[in-house]
Amino acid sequence: MATPITNMLTTKLIITNKAALQKKYGDSHTAILDDLKALQAFDATRHLDSHIIFVDDAVQMQASQATPVTDPIDEAQNKKAVDDLYRFFSPGYMLLIGAQDIIPFQRLKNLLSGNNDPDTLIPSDLPYACDTPYDTDPGKFIAPTRVTGRLPDVPGLTDTAYLHTLITDVMASKPSPQSDYQTYFSISTFDWQNSTQNSLQNIFGNNASLQLFPGDATLDGTNWTAQQLQPKTHFINCHGAIYNPGYYGQKVADFPLALRSDALQAKITYGTIVAAECCYGGQLFDPQKNSGKHISVANSYLLNHALAFLGSSNIAYGPPTGQGLADLLTQFFVINVLNGASTGRALLEARQRFLHEMGPTLDPYELKTAAQFYLLGDPSWQPVINDKDPSSTGESEPFINTVQNRRDNLEARGKMLDDFITIPHPSDGSHATDPALHTAMHSLLDEKNFAEKRDPKVFVNKKNNHLAKEDTNASMPSVKFHVFSESSADGENPSTKVLVVKEKNNQILGYREYVSR
């Protein structure tokens, strides 16, 4: 008999939509339900009090004081359902089961749309990690407080074996010594080697194992060996493309294939973690959408026994040299995992650190970066043994209290970000650019070899609660970001370079250079 739902502290929610599973898999969906029950039983052995929640089950949702989902693709309904469940249970972990056709991504507006960025929307799981109500403005979700991850299936495919493999892998998992994750596999474009070297140095204390594309002429992206892919930490800084099962290198106008999803088959060490900076690096798509009918790289890593994948849903950015944007969020995540955090906590802490360090004024690229990266995998999985975590002692009560205390601290930190950070908003164009500022910015464009000197897209920074403070702040000049960008294309690998000039009161405070990943 199922355990009745009561208003109590729980550690983990396993959230999915039974009707959506049944529609996709037919009668076979019961095999997935059986796997979820097995995962629930496994969680109990780890002192996790897990509840399987079907957001479309009216009786179950009402018992949890939550509004059931009647339309599985309705993003607002799904967001409210998750919010209601979080308020009722106060879970330490939330695991979403299924790709976007089971539990939809929250599609946020891309403020950069039309500015050499073809993404109109940002598919995101970030709103599920925030207590802000449903909205399509990414600026509303700059205070993440919840540990959230997604165990996906494959869009368009109806074989339950995929999810069975992923759930079975979770149930076979055990934390390993940190040393098991200190050796790494890393690939990067030739042009971004400085940026990637810095990331690896920050994570591992060395960058000796980095491989560049183009580089080794014997590698074509499809012939990696199990020995080469054996390390349990993978860090990737390459190009990606929509519905494309490959990652690509770059040296000027040469974009060789660096890794294709089918090259991973039977070559990945069980328990591998992956952080990919690439454009579309974490996308989930129907394999019918590419000529080779290959699943995405993210789906392939998980199928081949990786247990955590951090990647982007669409076009991502970072500096050509140095550190910023995707470089930082991905390396913060890996560092947290190596320090013994669960993968879900590793991402929450990485998001909070990224937003805090980029703040108090976010430019629109920083805002997009925070929204587009998500975790694929069970957020309660802890790859690296943490001697400070009582979960290893076999005592359930200290573990629950420790997790809850940690979550309370993370929730407090997340909520502080709402008051700390100002959000970019497109300018209404009501204020003309000062001639001296215009001249200074165009001199900078000449220096950075921008061929097209069109008018920038201007963003004005304001706090989310700026209306309440409008009177007291009315005389204060706002920070503005002037965004210049230009693109070039080479087949499936368009490349965009960006100059973001930060200005206040007609004075340039600094600038940043980004390129699309």
Protein backbone atom coordinates (compact mmCIF):
# COMPACT_ATOMS: atom_id res chain seq x y z
CA MET A 1 0.00 0.00 0.00
CA ALA A 2 1.30 3.45 -0.91
CA THR A 3 2.48 5.70 1.88
CA PRO A 4 -0.09 8.48 2.39
CA ILE A 5 1.05 12.00 1.66
CA THR A 6 1.28 14.08 4.83
CA ASN A 7 2.35 17.64 5.46
CA MET A 8 5.89 16.89 6.57
CA LEU A 9 9.46 17.68 5.70
CA THR A 10 10.56 15.47 2.84
CA THR A 11 13.92 15.24 1.25
CA LYS A 12 13.13 14.55 -2.39
CA LEU A 13 10.27 14.89 -4.87
CA ILE A 14 10.22 12.80 -8.06
CA ILE A 15 7.94 14.81 -10.35
CA THR A 16 6.44 13.73 -13.67
CA ASN A 17 3.20 13.64 -15.68
CA LYS A 18 1.52 10.24 -15.91
CA ALA A 19 -0.84 11.20 -18.75
CA ALA A 20 2.06 12.53 -20.83
CA LEU A 21 4.04 9.33 -20.22
CA GLN A 22 1.03 7.24 -21.20
CA LYS A 23 0.43 9.27 -24.35
CA LYS A 24 4.07 8.92 -25.40
CA TYR A 25 4.75 5.31 -24.40
CA GLY A 26 1.29 3.70 -24.43
CA ASP A 27 0.90 0.67 -22.18
CA SER A 28 4.69 0.48 -21.85
CA HIS A 29 4.62 3.54 -19.61
CA THR A 30 3.95 1.24 -16.66
CA ALA A 31 7.55 0.03 -16.94
CA ILE A 32 8.67 3.62 -16.22
CA LEU A 33 6.33 3.80 -13.23
CA ASP A 34 7.87 0.58 -11.92
CA ASP A 35 11.35 2.09 -12.37
CA LEU A 36 10.30 5.18 -10.42
CA LYS A 37 9.06 3.01 -7.56
CA ALA A 38 12.40 1.18 -7.59
CA LEU A 39 14.18 4.55 -7.46
CA GLN A 40 12.00 5.57 -4.53
CA ALA A 41 12.93 2.38 -2.68
CA PHE A 42 16.61 2.96 -3.46
CA ASP A 43 16.36 6.50 -2.12
CA ALA A 44 15.09 5.10 1.17
CA THR A 45 18.37 3.17 1.55
CA ARG A 46 20.15 6.53 1.28
CA HIS A 47 17.94 8.06 3.97
CA LEU A 48 16.01 10.06 1.39
CA ASP A 49 12.28 10.25 1.98
CA SER A 50 11.12 10.40 -1.65
CA HIS A 51 7.62 10.98 -2.99
CA ILE A 52 6.57 10.22 -6.57
CA ILE A 53 4.28 13.04 -7.67
CA PHE A 54 2.16 13.05 -10.83
CA VAL A 55 1.32 16.67 -11.57
CA ASP A 56 -1.79 15.60 -13.52
CA ASP A 57 -3.20 13.43 -10.69
CA ALA A 58 -5.99 15.60 -9.28
CA VAL A 59 -6.45 13.59 -6.09
CA GLN A 60 -2.74 13.45 -5.29
CA MET A 61 -2.17 17.12 -6.11
CA GLN A 62 -5.13 18.30 -4.07
CA ALA A 63 -3.88 16.25 -1.11
CA SER A 64 -0.65 18.25 -1.48
CA GLN A 65 -2.56 21.55 -1.66
CA ALA A 66 -1.39 21.89 -5.28
CA THR A 67 -3.23 22.74 -8.49
CA PRO A 68 -3.14 19.80 -10.95
CA VAL A 69 -1.87 20.19 -14.51
CA THR A 70 -4.64 19.69 -17.07
CA ASP A 71 -2.56 20.56 -20.16
CA PRO A 72 0.89 18.90 -20.06
CA ILE A 73 2.50 21.48 -22.36
CA ASP A 74 1.13 24.48 -20.48
CA GLU A 75 4.23 26.05 -18.94
CA ALA A 76 2.33 28.27 -16.51
CA GLN A 77 0.39 25.27 -15.14
CA ASN A 78 3.58 23.24 -14.70
CA LYS A 79 5.38 26.11 -12.99
CA LYS A 80 2.48 26.64 -10.55
CA ALA A 81 2.29 22.89 -9.85
CA VAL A 82 5.99 22.75 -8.94
CA ASP A 83 5.70 25.91 -6.83
CA ASP A 84 2.72 24.51 -4.95
CA LEU A 85 4.48 21.20 -4.31
CA TYR A 86 7.61 22.97 -3.10
CA ARG A 87 5.63 25.06 -0.63
CA PHE A 88 3.85 21.97 0.72
CA PHE A 89 6.83 19.62 1.04
CA SER A 90 9.87 21.94 1.43
CA PRO A 91 11.97 19.29 -0.36
CA GLY A 92 15.74 19.12 -0.31
CA TYR A 93 15.72 17.90 -3.93
CA MET A 94 13.35 18.07 -6.89
CA LEU A 95 13.85 15.60 -9.74
CA LEU A 96 11.86 16.21 -12.94
CA ILE A 97 11.32 13.03 -14.97
CA GLY A 98 11.19 13.28 -18.76
CA ALA A 99 12.27 15.65 -21.51
CA GLN A 100 10.33 18.76 -22.50
CA ASP A 101 7.46 16.69 -23.95
CA ILE A 102 6.75 15.29 -20.45
CA ILE A 103 7.58 18.26 -18.18
CA PRO A 104 8.06 21.37 -20.36
CA PHE A 105 10.96 23.75 -20.15
CA GLN A 106 9.97 27.26 -19.12
CA ARG A 107 10.58 29.33 -22.25
CA LEU A 108 11.88 32.77 -21.31
CA LYS A 109 12.20 35.77 -23.60
CA ASN A 110 15.67 36.37 -25.00
CA LEU A 111 16.49 40.07 -24.59
CA LEU A 112 19.19 39.67 -27.25
CA SER A 113 16.82 38.41 -29.95
CA GLY A 114 17.47 40.16 -33.25
CA ASN A 115 20.90 41.36 -32.14
CA ASN A 116 22.78 38.72 -34.16
CA ASP A 117 21.25 36.19 -31.76
CA PRO A 118 18.55 34.10 -33.50
CA ASP A 119 17.14 32.71 -30.25
CA THR A 120 13.78 34.30 -29.52
CA LEU A 121 13.26 32.17 -26.42
CA ILE A 122 15.46 30.48 -23.79
CA PRO A 123 14.26 26.97 -22.83
CA SER A 124 15.03 26.87 -19.13
CA ASP A 125 14.67 24.91 -15.91
CA LEU A 126 15.82 27.92 -13.86
CA PRO A 127 12.24 29.06 -13.03
CA TYR A 128 11.57 25.68 -11.37
CA ALA A 129 14.50 26.51 -9.07
CA CYS A 130 13.02 29.89 -8.08
CA ASP A 131 9.99 30.80 -5.99
CA THR A 132 9.00 33.66 -8.32
CA PRO A 133 5.60 32.95 -9.96
CA TYR A 134 5.33 32.08 -13.65
CA ASP A 135 6.74 34.74 -15.96
CA THR A 136 8.53 34.86 -19.31
CA ASP A 137 10.95 37.60 -18.23
CA PRO A 138 14.33 36.00 -17.38
CA GLY A 139 15.06 38.95 -15.11
CA LYS A 140 12.42 37.69 -12.70
CA PHE A 141 14.52 34.58 -11.98
CA ILE A 142 17.76 35.92 -10.53
CA ALA A 143 17.19 34.50 -7.02
CA PRO A 144 17.45 30.68 -7.32
CA THR A 145 16.78 28.87 -4.03
CA ARG A 146 15.88 25.26 -4.96
CA VAL A 147 17.94 22.18 -5.81
CA THR A 148 16.49 20.95 -9.10
CA GLY A 149 17.52 18.55 -11.88
CA ARG A 150 15.95 16.67 -14.76
CA LEU A 151 16.31 13.01 -15.73
CA PRO A 152 15.34 13.21 -19.40
CA ASP A 153 14.12 10.71 -21.92
CA VAL A 154 14.60 11.29 -25.67
CA PRO A 155 12.07 13.50 -27.47
CA GLY A 156 10.35 11.57 -30.24
CA LEU A 157 11.53 8.11 -29.13
CA THR A 158 9.10 5.70 -27.45
CA ASP A 159 11.35 2.95 -26.08
CA THR A 160 11.27 2.87 -22.28
CA ALA A 161 14.71 1.27 -22.25
CA TYR A 162 16.38 4.71 -22.31
CA LEU A 163 14.88 5.93 -19.03
CA HIS A 164 15.32 2.44 -17.55
CA THR A 165 19.07 2.69 -18.20
CA LEU A 166 19.29 6.14 -16.60
CA ILE A 167 17.33 5.15 -13.49
CA THR A 168 19.25 1.88 -13.14
CA ASP A 169 22.50 3.85 -13.29
CA VAL A 170 21.33 6.14 -10.48
CA MET A 171 20.46 3.14 -8.33
CA ALA A 172 23.91 1.64 -8.87
CA SER A 173 25.70 4.85 -7.89
CA LYS A 174 27.98 5.34 -4.90
CA PRO A 175 30.18 8.32 -4.04
CA SER A 176 33.84 7.91 -5.01
CA PRO A 177 37.05 9.47 -3.70
CA GLN A 178 37.80 12.91 -5.10
CA SER A 179 40.90 11.48 -6.78
CA ASP A 180 38.63 9.49 -9.14
CA TYR A 181 37.39 12.78 -10.61
CA GLN A 182 40.68 14.71 -10.67
CA THR A 183 41.77 13.22 -13.99
CA TYR A 184 39.81 14.79 -16.80
CA PHE A 185 38.96 14.74 -20.49
CA SER A 186 38.81 18.20 -22.04
CA ILE A 187 38.46 19.45 -25.60
CA SER A 188 38.35 23.01 -26.86
CA THR A 189 38.56 25.02 -30.03
CA PHE A 190 42.04 26.13 -30.99
CA ASP A 191 40.87 29.76 -30.87
CA TRP A 192 39.57 29.50 -27.27
CA GLN A 193 42.50 27.61 -25.78
CA ASN A 194 43.47 30.45 -23.44
CA SER A 195 39.98 30.59 -21.94
CA THR A 196 39.77 26.81 -21.53
CA GLN A 197 43.27 26.57 -20.06
CA ASN A 198 42.23 29.10 -17.41
CA SER A 199 39.10 27.11 -16.58
CA LEU A 200 41.02 23.86 -16.21
CA GLN A 201 43.67 25.52 -14.09
CA ASN A 202 40.97 26.87 -11.79
CA ILE A 203 39.25 23.47 -11.50
CA PHE A 204 42.11 20.96 -11.47
CA GLY A 205 45.25 23.01 -10.87
CA ASN A 206 46.61 22.11 -14.33
CA ASN A 207 45.63 22.19 -18.00
CA ALA A 208 48.00 19.53 -19.30
CA SER A 209 45.27 17.21 -20.64
CA LEU A 210 43.53 19.75 -22.87
CA GLN A 211 43.11 18.68 -26.52
CA LEU A 212 42.49 21.29 -29.18
CA PHE A 213 40.52 21.17 -32.42
CA PRO A 214 41.95 21.47 -34.94
CA GLY A 215 44.94 19.73 -33.39
CA ASP A 216 45.67 16.01 -33.48
CA ALA A 217 45.15 15.09 -37.14
CA THR A 218 44.34 11.47 -36.23
CA LEU A 219 41.13 12.49 -34.44
CA ASP A 220 38.01 13.19 -36.49
CA GLY A 221 35.36 13.45 -33.75
CA THR A 222 34.10 9.90 -34.29
CA ASN A 223 37.13 7.76 -33.42
CA TRP A 224 37.72 8.49 -29.74
CA THR A 225 38.84 5.41 -27.80
CA ALA A 226 37.52 4.21 -24.45
CA GLN A 227 40.93 4.94 -22.95
CA GLN A 228 40.81 8.57 -24.12
CA LEU A 229 37.27 9.01 -22.77
CA GLN A 230 37.94 7.12 -19.53
CA PRO A 231 38.36 10.09 -17.12
CA LYS A 232 35.28 10.66 -14.96
CA THR A 233 35.21 14.44 -15.43
CA HIS A 234 34.62 15.88 -18.92
CA PHE A 235 34.96 19.61 -19.59
CA ILE A 236 34.11 20.79 -23.11
CA ASN A 237 34.45 24.25 -24.68
CA CYS A 238 33.53 23.87 -28.34
CA HIS A 239 30.93 25.04 -30.84
CA GLY A 240 27.51 23.41 -31.03
CA ALA A 241 24.55 23.83 -33.37
CA ILE A 242 20.80 23.34 -33.18
CA TYR A 243 19.59 19.72 -33.64
CA ASN A 244 23.21 18.79 -34.33
CA PRO A 245 24.67 15.69 -32.62
CA GLY A 246 28.21 17.06 -32.77
CA TYR A 247 30.54 19.56 -31.13
CA TYR A 248 33.02 21.46 -33.29
CA GLY A 249 36.43 23.07 -32.99
CA GLN A 250 37.59 26.29 -34.62
CA LYS A 251 40.73 27.85 -35.98
CA VAL A 252 39.77 31.04 -37.80
CA ALA A 253 37.35 29.71 -40.50
CA ASP A 254 38.06 25.99 -39.98
CA PHE A 255 35.37 24.19 -37.90
CA PRO A 256 36.35 20.50 -37.66
CA LEU A 257 34.12 17.96 -35.92
CA ALA A 258 35.50 17.35 -32.40
CA LEU A 259 32.95 14.95 -30.91
CA ARG A 260 29.81 13.25 -32.19
CA SER A 261 27.21 11.62 -29.98
CA ASP A 262 27.59 8.11 -31.42
CA ALA A 263 31.34 8.18 -30.67
CA LEU A 264 30.52 7.79 -26.96
CA GLN A 265 28.91 4.37 -27.26
CA ALA A 266 30.28 1.92 -24.68
CA LYS A 267 33.28 4.21 -23.99
CA ILE A 268 32.18 6.34 -21.02
CA THR A 269 33.18 5.41 -17.47
CA TYR A 270 30.23 4.81 -15.17
CA GLY A 271 29.53 7.90 -13.05
CA THR A 272 31.10 10.46 -15.39
CA ILE A 273 30.14 14.12 -14.91
CA VAL A 274 30.09 16.49 -17.89
CA ALA A 275 30.12 20.27 -18.21
CA ALA A 276 29.74 21.61 -21.75
CA GLU A 277 29.96 25.31 -22.60
CA CYS A 278 28.89 24.78 -26.22
CA CYS A 279 25.96 26.48 -27.92
CA TYR A 280 23.07 24.00 -27.71
CA GLY A 281 25.42 21.77 -25.70
CA GLY A 282 22.66 20.41 -23.46
CA GLN A 283 19.82 20.43 -25.97
CA LEU A 284 17.34 17.55 -26.13
CA PHE A 285 15.90 16.88 -29.58
CA ASP A 286 14.14 14.28 -31.68
CA PRO A 287 16.93 12.44 -33.55
CA GLN A 288 14.79 12.59 -36.70
CA LYS A 289 15.78 16.25 -36.89
CA ASN A 290 19.32 15.51 -38.13
CA SER A 291 20.40 13.56 -41.21
CA GLY A 292 22.21 10.85 -39.26
CA LYS A 293 19.26 10.37 -36.90
CA HIS A 294 21.64 10.62 -33.93
CA ILE A 295 20.50 11.54 -30.44
CA SER A 296 22.00 14.66 -28.86
CA VAL A 297 25.39 14.60 -27.19
CA ALA A 298 23.71 15.15 -23.81
CA ASN A 299 21.29 12.25 -24.31
CA SER A 300 24.18 10.06 -25.48
CA TYR A 301 26.39 10.81 -22.48
CA LEU A 302 23.57 9.80 -20.12
CA LEU A 303 22.75 6.67 -22.12
CA ASN A 304 26.40 5.67 -21.85
CA HIS A 305 26.43 5.92 -18.04
CA ALA A 306 27.35 9.52 -17.34
CA LEU A 307 25.30 10.56 -14.31
CA ALA A 308 25.34 14.35 -14.55
CA PHE A 309 25.41 16.70 -17.53
CA LEU A 310 25.45 20.49 -17.33
CA GLY A 311 24.77 22.19 -20.65
CA SER A 312 23.01 25.01 -22.46
CA SER A 313 19.65 24.86 -24.21
CA ASN A 314 20.64 27.32 -26.96
CA ILE A 315 23.32 29.82 -28.07
CA ALA A 316 25.81 30.40 -25.24
CA TYR A 317 28.63 32.92 -24.93
CA GLY A 318 32.02 33.44 -23.34
CA PRO A 319 35.09 35.61 -23.88
CA PRO A 320 37.65 34.54 -26.52
CA THR A 321 40.37 34.83 -23.86
CA GLY A 322 40.16 35.09 -20.10
CA GLN A 323 37.03 34.12 -18.17
CA GLY A 324 33.35 34.96 -18.18
CA LEU A 325 29.79 33.75 -18.79
CA ALA A 326 29.69 30.02 -19.69
CA ASP A 327 33.30 29.56 -18.52
CA LEU A 328 32.40 30.57 -14.99
CA LEU A 329 29.08 28.81 -14.51
CA THR A 330 30.42 25.48 -15.77
CA GLN A 331 33.65 25.60 -13.76
CA PHE A 332 31.83 26.64 -10.58
CA PHE A 333 29.61 23.58 -11.01
CA VAL A 334 32.54 21.18 -11.45
CA ILE A 335 34.45 22.68 -8.52
CA ASN A 336 31.41 22.21 -6.27
CA VAL A 337 31.00 18.59 -7.36
CA LEU A 338 34.67 17.88 -6.68
CA ASN A 339 34.23 19.39 -3.22
CA GLY A 340 31.57 16.81 -2.37
CA ALA A 341 28.28 18.53 -3.23
CA SER A 342 25.36 16.68 -4.76
CA THR A 343 25.03 17.61 -8.43
CA GLY A 344 21.86 19.60 -7.73
CA ARG A 345 23.43 21.59 -4.92
CA ALA A 346 26.54 22.06 -7.06
CA LEU A 347 24.42 23.80 -9.69
CA LEU A 348 22.41 25.89 -7.21
CA GLU A 349 25.59 27.12 -5.54
CA ALA A 350 27.17 27.74 -8.96
CA ARG A 351 24.16 29.79 -10.06
CA GLN A 352 24.20 31.83 -6.87
CA ARG A 353 27.95 32.43 -7.06
CA PHE A 354 27.74 33.38 -10.75
CA LEU A 355 24.93 35.88 -10.16
CA HIS A 356 26.67 37.34 -7.10
CA GLU A 357 30.04 37.76 -8.83
CA MET A 358 28.50 39.20 -12.02
CA GLY A 359 26.28 41.53 -10.00
CA PRO A 360 25.18 43.97 -8.93
CA THR A 361 24.62 44.99 -12.57
CA LEU A 362 23.95 42.12 -14.98
CA ASP A 363 24.42 42.63 -18.69
CA PRO A 364 21.96 40.78 -20.99
CA TYR A 365 24.51 38.06 -21.83
CA GLU A 366 25.04 37.28 -18.15
CA LEU A 367 21.28 37.07 -17.70
CA LYS A 368 20.94 34.67 -20.64
CA THR A 369 23.78 32.50 -19.31
CA ALA A 370 22.10 32.16 -15.92
CA ALA A 371 18.85 31.08 -17.61
CA GLN A 372 20.05 28.68 -20.28
CA PHE A 373 22.21 26.17 -18.36
CA TYR A 374 20.46 23.25 -16.67
CA LEU A 375 21.31 19.96 -14.99
CA LEU A 376 20.46 16.65 -16.63
CA GLY A 377 20.66 13.95 -13.98
CA ASP A 378 19.40 13.17 -10.48
CA PRO A 379 20.17 16.25 -8.33
CA SER A 380 20.49 14.13 -5.18
CA TRP A 381 23.42 12.14 -6.60
CA GLN A 382 26.72 12.86 -4.85
CA PRO A 383 29.67 11.86 -7.05
CA VAL A 384 32.47 12.62 -4.59
CA ILE A 385 32.67 11.38 -1.00
CA ASN A 386 32.15 14.21 1.43
CA ASP A 387 33.49 13.25 4.86
CA LYS A 388 31.57 16.14 6.42
CA ASP A 389 28.20 14.79 5.23
CA PRO A 390 26.40 12.55 7.76
CA SER A 391 24.74 10.63 4.89
CA SER A 392 27.78 8.35 5.00
CA THR A 393 27.15 7.43 8.64
CA GLY A 394 23.86 5.62 8.08
CA GLU A 395 22.02 7.94 10.46
CA SER A 396 18.96 9.38 8.78
CA GLU A 397 17.94 12.14 11.20
CA PRO A 398 21.26 14.08 11.20
CA PHE A 399 21.27 13.83 7.40
CA ILE A 400 17.80 15.28 7.06
CA ASN A 401 18.60 18.08 9.47
CA THR A 402 21.91 18.80 7.74
CA VAL A 403 20.27 18.98 4.30
CA GLN A 404 17.44 21.17 5.56
CA ASN A 405 19.83 23.52 7.35
CA ARG A 406 21.94 23.77 4.18
CA ARG A 407 18.84 24.45 2.07
CA ASP A 408 17.70 27.16 4.49
CA ASN A 409 21.08 28.85 4.11
CA LEU A 410 20.97 28.57 0.31
CA GLU A 411 17.42 29.91 0.26
CA ALA A 412 18.47 32.93 2.32
CA ARG A 413 21.45 33.57 0.00
CA GLY A 414 19.27 33.26 -3.07
CA LYS A 415 16.66 35.70 -1.80
CA MET A 416 19.33 38.30 -1.05
CA LEU A 417 20.20 38.35 -4.75
CA ASP A 418 16.80 39.87 -5.56
CA ASP A 419 17.72 43.03 -3.60
CA PHE A 420 21.36 43.01 -4.70
CA ILE A 421 21.06 42.68 -8.49
CA THR A 422 19.81 45.13 -11.11
CA ILE A 423 18.34 43.67 -14.30
CA PRO A 424 18.91 44.85 -17.89
CA HIS A 425 15.84 46.20 -19.69
CA PRO A 426 15.80 47.30 -23.36
CA SER A 427 16.04 51.09 -23.51
CA ASP A 428 13.05 53.00 -24.84
CA GLY A 429 15.47 55.21 -26.75
CA SER A 430 14.23 58.37 -25.07
CA HIS A 431 17.74 59.58 -24.20
CA ALA A 432 20.18 60.54 -26.95
CA THR A 433 23.77 59.32 -26.66
CA ASP A 434 26.22 62.00 -25.63
CA PRO A 435 28.46 62.90 -28.63
CA ALA A 436 31.66 62.38 -26.64
CA LEU A 437 30.44 58.96 -25.47
CA HIS A 438 29.49 58.06 -29.05
CA THR A 439 32.98 58.97 -30.26
CA ALA A 440 34.68 57.02 -27.48
CA MET A 441 32.62 53.88 -28.19
CA HIS A 442 33.35 54.00 -31.91
CA SER A 443 37.07 54.41 -31.24
CA LEU A 444 36.80 51.25 -29.16
CA LEU A 445 34.99 49.50 -32.04
CA ASP A 446 37.86 50.48 -34.37
CA GLU A 447 40.36 49.08 -31.90
CA LYS A 448 38.43 45.78 -31.68
CA ASN A 449 38.11 45.47 -35.48
CA PHE A 450 34.34 45.73 -35.70
CA ALA A 451 33.54 46.24 -39.37
CA GLU A 452 29.90 47.20 -38.86
CA LYS A 453 29.37 50.29 -36.73
CA ARG A 454 25.56 50.22 -36.52
CA ASP A 455 23.74 51.67 -33.58
CA PRO A 456 24.00 49.51 -30.48
CA LYS A 457 21.17 47.85 -28.64
CA VAL A 458 21.02 49.68 -25.31
CA PHE A 459 19.92 48.18 -22.00
CA VAL A 460 19.14 50.14 -18.83
CA ASN A 461 19.57 48.39 -15.49
CA LYS A 462 16.85 48.50 -12.84
CA LYS A 463 15.98 46.45 -9.79
CA ASN A 464 13.04 44.07 -9.96
CA ASN A 465 11.35 46.16 -7.28
CA HIS A 466 12.43 49.47 -8.82
CA LEU A 467 8.88 50.84 -9.01
CA ALA A 468 8.61 50.84 -5.24
CA LYS A 469 11.84 52.86 -5.00
CA GLU A 470 11.24 55.11 -7.97
CA ASP A 471 10.89 58.30 -5.95
CA THR A 472 14.07 57.85 -3.91
CA ASN A 473 16.14 56.74 -6.92
CA ALA A 474 14.69 59.11 -9.52
CA SER A 475 17.74 61.39 -9.52
CA MET A 476 20.28 58.56 -9.62
CA PRO A 477 21.78 57.83 -13.07
CA SER A 478 21.32 54.23 -14.19
CA VAL A 479 23.97 51.86 -15.46
CA LYS A 480 23.54 51.19 -19.17
CA PHE A 481 24.98 48.49 -21.42
CA HIS A 482 25.59 49.30 -25.09
CA VAL A 483 25.71 46.04 -27.06
CA PHE A 484 27.50 45.88 -30.42
CA SER A 485 27.62 42.58 -32.32
CA GLU A 486 28.41 41.15 -35.73
CA SER A 487 28.18 37.64 -37.13
CA SER A 488 29.86 35.50 -39.75
CA ALA A 489 28.66 32.09 -40.92
CA ASP A 490 30.38 28.91 -42.02
CA GLY A 491 27.84 26.18 -42.79
CA GLU A 492 26.21 25.04 -39.56
CA ASN A 493 28.66 27.05 -37.46
CA PRO A 494 27.63 30.71 -37.30
CA SER A 495 29.95 32.76 -35.13
CA THR A 496 29.09 36.01 -33.35
CA LYS A 497 31.43 38.45 -31.67
CA VAL A 498 30.14 40.98 -29.19
CA LEU A 499 31.35 44.15 -27.51
CA VAL A 500 29.40 45.23 -24.41
CA VAL A 501 30.21 48.74 -23.20
CA LYS A 502 29.19 49.57 -19.62
CA GLU A 503 28.28 53.22 -19.12
CA LYS A 504 26.93 55.43 -16.36
CA ASN A 505 26.24 59.16 -16.61
CA ASN A 506 27.92 59.26 -20.06
CA GLN A 507 31.15 57.79 -18.67
CA ILE A 508 32.48 54.43 -19.90
CA LEU A 509 33.02 52.23 -16.85
CA GLY A 510 34.48 49.32 -18.81
CA TYR A 511 33.77 46.86 -21.59
CA ARG A 512 33.54 43.12 -22.19
CA GLU A 513 34.18 41.01 -25.28
CA TYR A 514 32.20 37.82 -25.93
CA VAL A 515 31.92 35.26 -28.69
CA SER A 516 29.20 32.69 -29.29
CA ARG A 517 30.13 29.19 -28.15
